[in-house]
Amino acid sequence: MTAHTHPATRESHAFGAALTVAIVALALTTGYIHLGLGSLLFTLNAVGYAGLAALYVIGSLAPHPLVARFSWFPRMALAGYAALTIVAWAVQGPYFGLAYVAKGVEVTLIGLIVVDVFRVYGSPVRMLRTAIASVFGANDRGMAAA
């Protein structure tokens, strides 16, 4: 089962490339903001964003069948990481101007990832089915055994 279910056109490739660039730019932007905050926790958060941005690029562009099989992972991981960062900030702060900018970037990042999921898979449910099939196998018997 492949991620791309619709015939690709030149416009869809251009839109996908622009969307990937925007997602990576937002991930690196919020990572840069966190890097400038100084503590080990914020530095590790920045490293996490940089690593997930790199995985996103690999998952979006690499033509290798194994990478294509797991191209759902960077999308889920980056969206989850951004959501977790927002929740952690809401619980413990700090609540200052730049933090609100970073949260706005992260909410936008999650929104663009959702757009990308619809573009590639058609729906979040189809992405989830693709993820399950890529991990446990494409047939029902293999999924039941897991």
Protein backbone atom coordinates (compact mmCIF):
# COMPACT_ATOMS: atom_id res chain seq x y z
CA MET A 1 0.00 0.00 0.00
CA THR A 2 1.58 3.26 -1.05
CA ALA A 3 0.99 6.69 0.42
CA HIS A 4 0.14 8.36 -2.86
CA THR A 5 -3.33 7.32 -3.97
CA HIS A 6 -4.08 9.92 -6.63
CA PRO A 7 -2.34 10.36 -9.96
CA ALA A 8 0.27 13.07 -9.51
CA THR A 9 0.19 16.17 -11.64
CA ARG A 10 2.79 18.86 -12.02
CA GLU A 11 0.64 21.17 -9.86
CA SER A 12 0.26 18.58 -7.11
CA HIS A 13 4.03 18.02 -7.05
CA ALA A 14 4.59 21.78 -6.79
CA PHE A 15 2.00 22.09 -4.02
CA GLY A 16 3.51 19.14 -2.15
CA ALA A 17 6.99 20.62 -2.42
CA ALA A 18 5.79 24.03 -1.22
CA LEU A 19 3.91 22.42 1.65
CA THR A 20 6.98 20.42 2.69
CA VAL A 21 9.15 23.55 2.58
CA ALA A 22 6.62 25.45 4.71
CA ILE A 23 6.37 22.63 7.26
CA VAL A 24 10.13 22.31 7.54
CA ALA A 25 10.54 26.09 7.80
CA LEU A 26 7.99 26.27 10.62
CA ALA A 27 9.62 23.36 12.48
CA LEU A 28 13.03 25.00 12.18
CA THR A 29 11.57 28.37 13.21
CA THR A 30 10.09 27.06 16.45
CA GLY A 31 13.27 25.06 17.03
CA TYR A 32 15.33 28.23 16.64
CA ILE A 33 13.07 30.07 19.08
CA HIS A 34 13.52 27.30 21.65
CA LEU A 35 17.27 27.16 21.06
CA GLY A 36 17.55 30.83 21.99
CA LEU A 37 15.88 30.30 25.37
CA GLY A 38 19.01 28.77 26.85
CA SER A 39 18.11 25.92 29.18
CA LEU A 40 18.83 22.26 28.47
CA LEU A 41 15.11 21.48 28.10
CA PHE A 42 14.65 24.14 25.42
CA THR A 43 17.87 23.12 23.66
CA LEU A 44 16.70 19.50 23.52
CA ASN A 45 13.34 20.69 22.20
CA ALA A 46 15.16 22.55 19.42
CA VAL A 47 17.22 19.46 18.57
CA GLY A 48 14.01 17.44 18.42
CA TYR A 49 12.43 19.86 15.97
CA ALA A 50 15.55 19.83 13.78
CA GLY A 51 15.67 16.04 13.72
CA LEU A 52 11.98 15.69 12.93
CA ALA A 53 12.27 18.33 10.19
CA ALA A 54 15.06 16.26 8.61
CA LEU A 55 12.92 13.11 8.85
CA TYR A 56 10.03 14.99 7.25
CA VAL A 57 12.18 15.91 4.27
CA ILE A 58 13.45 12.35 3.93
CA GLY A 59 9.93 10.93 4.22
CA SER A 60 8.60 13.35 1.63
CA LEU A 61 11.36 13.14 -0.96
CA ALA A 62 13.27 9.88 -0.73
CA PRO A 63 12.22 7.42 -3.44
CA HIS A 64 13.36 4.29 -1.57
CA PRO A 65 10.49 1.80 -0.98
CA LEU A 66 11.29 1.41 2.72
CA VAL A 67 11.17 5.17 3.24
CA ALA A 68 7.89 5.39 1.30
CA ARG A 69 6.42 2.59 3.43
CA PHE A 70 7.03 4.57 6.62
CA SER A 71 6.47 8.09 5.26
CA TRP A 72 3.54 8.44 7.67
CA PHE A 73 5.91 8.38 10.67
CA PRO A 74 7.52 11.84 10.35
CA ARG A 75 4.08 13.39 9.84
CA MET A 76 2.65 11.80 12.98
CA ALA A 77 5.83 12.37 14.99
CA LEU A 78 6.19 16.06 14.10
CA ALA A 79 2.51 16.83 14.71
CA GLY A 80 2.60 14.95 18.01
CA TYR A 81 5.82 16.65 19.07
CA ALA A 82 4.38 20.10 18.36
CA ALA A 83 1.16 19.23 20.20
CA LEU A 84 3.12 17.91 23.19
CA THR A 85 5.23 21.08 23.23
CA ILE A 86 2.05 23.21 23.32
CA VAL A 87 0.53 21.14 26.14
CA ALA A 88 3.77 21.23 28.17
CA TRP A 89 3.95 25.00 27.76
CA ALA A 90 0.29 25.39 28.81
CA VAL A 91 0.99 23.36 31.97
CA GLN A 92 4.26 24.96 33.08
CA GLY A 93 4.86 28.14 31.06
CA PRO A 94 6.74 30.47 30.84
CA TYR A 95 4.09 32.86 29.57
CA PHE A 96 5.82 35.72 27.75
CA GLY A 97 5.46 37.27 24.31
CA LEU A 98 7.88 35.08 22.38
CA ALA A 99 6.25 31.95 23.82
CA TYR A 100 2.94 32.97 22.25
CA VAL A 101 4.70 33.45 18.91
CA ALA A 102 6.22 29.96 19.19
CA LYS A 103 2.81 28.46 20.01
CA GLY A 104 1.30 30.22 17.00
CA VAL A 105 4.04 28.74 14.82
CA GLU A 106 3.39 25.28 16.28
CA VAL A 107 -0.38 25.49 15.76
CA THR A 108 0.23 26.54 12.15
CA LEU A 109 2.71 23.68 11.79
CA ILE A 110 0.12 21.16 12.98
CA GLY A 111 -2.44 22.67 10.60
CA LEU A 112 -0.12 22.33 7.60
CA ILE A 113 0.69 18.74 8.55
CA VAL A 114 -3.04 18.00 8.60
CA VAL A 115 -3.31 19.51 5.10
CA ASP A 116 -0.39 17.32 4.01
CA VAL A 117 -2.05 14.21 5.46
CA PHE A 118 -5.21 14.93 3.47
CA ARG A 119 -3.13 15.62 0.36
CA VAL A 120 -1.16 12.37 0.58
CA TYR A 121 -3.55 9.92 2.22
CA GLY A 122 -7.00 11.41 1.66
CA SER A 123 -7.87 11.32 5.38
CA PRO A 124 -6.28 10.74 8.79
CA VAL A 125 -8.04 7.36 8.95
CA ARG A 126 -6.37 6.24 5.70
CA MET A 127 -3.01 7.37 7.07
CA LEU A 128 -3.65 5.34 10.22
CA ARG A 129 -4.55 2.29 8.13
CA THR A 130 -1.38 2.78 6.09
CA ALA A 131 0.66 3.03 9.29
CA ILE A 132 -0.85 -0.16 10.70
CA ALA A 133 -0.31 -2.00 7.43
CA SER A 134 3.30 -0.82 7.20
CA VAL A 135 4.07 -2.08 10.69
CA PHE A 136 1.99 -5.26 10.91
CA GLY A 137 1.64 -6.24 7.26
CA ALA A 138 -0.99 -5.57 4.64
CA ASN A 139 -3.29 -8.51 5.32
CA ASP A 140 -5.83 -8.86 8.14
CA ARG A 141 -4.32 -12.12 9.37
CA GLY A 142 -0.98 -10.45 10.04
CA MET A 143 -2.67 -7.61 11.90
CA ALA A 144 -4.75 -10.05 14.01
CA ALA A 145 -1.61 -11.95 15.01
CA ALA A 146 0.00 -8.78 16.28
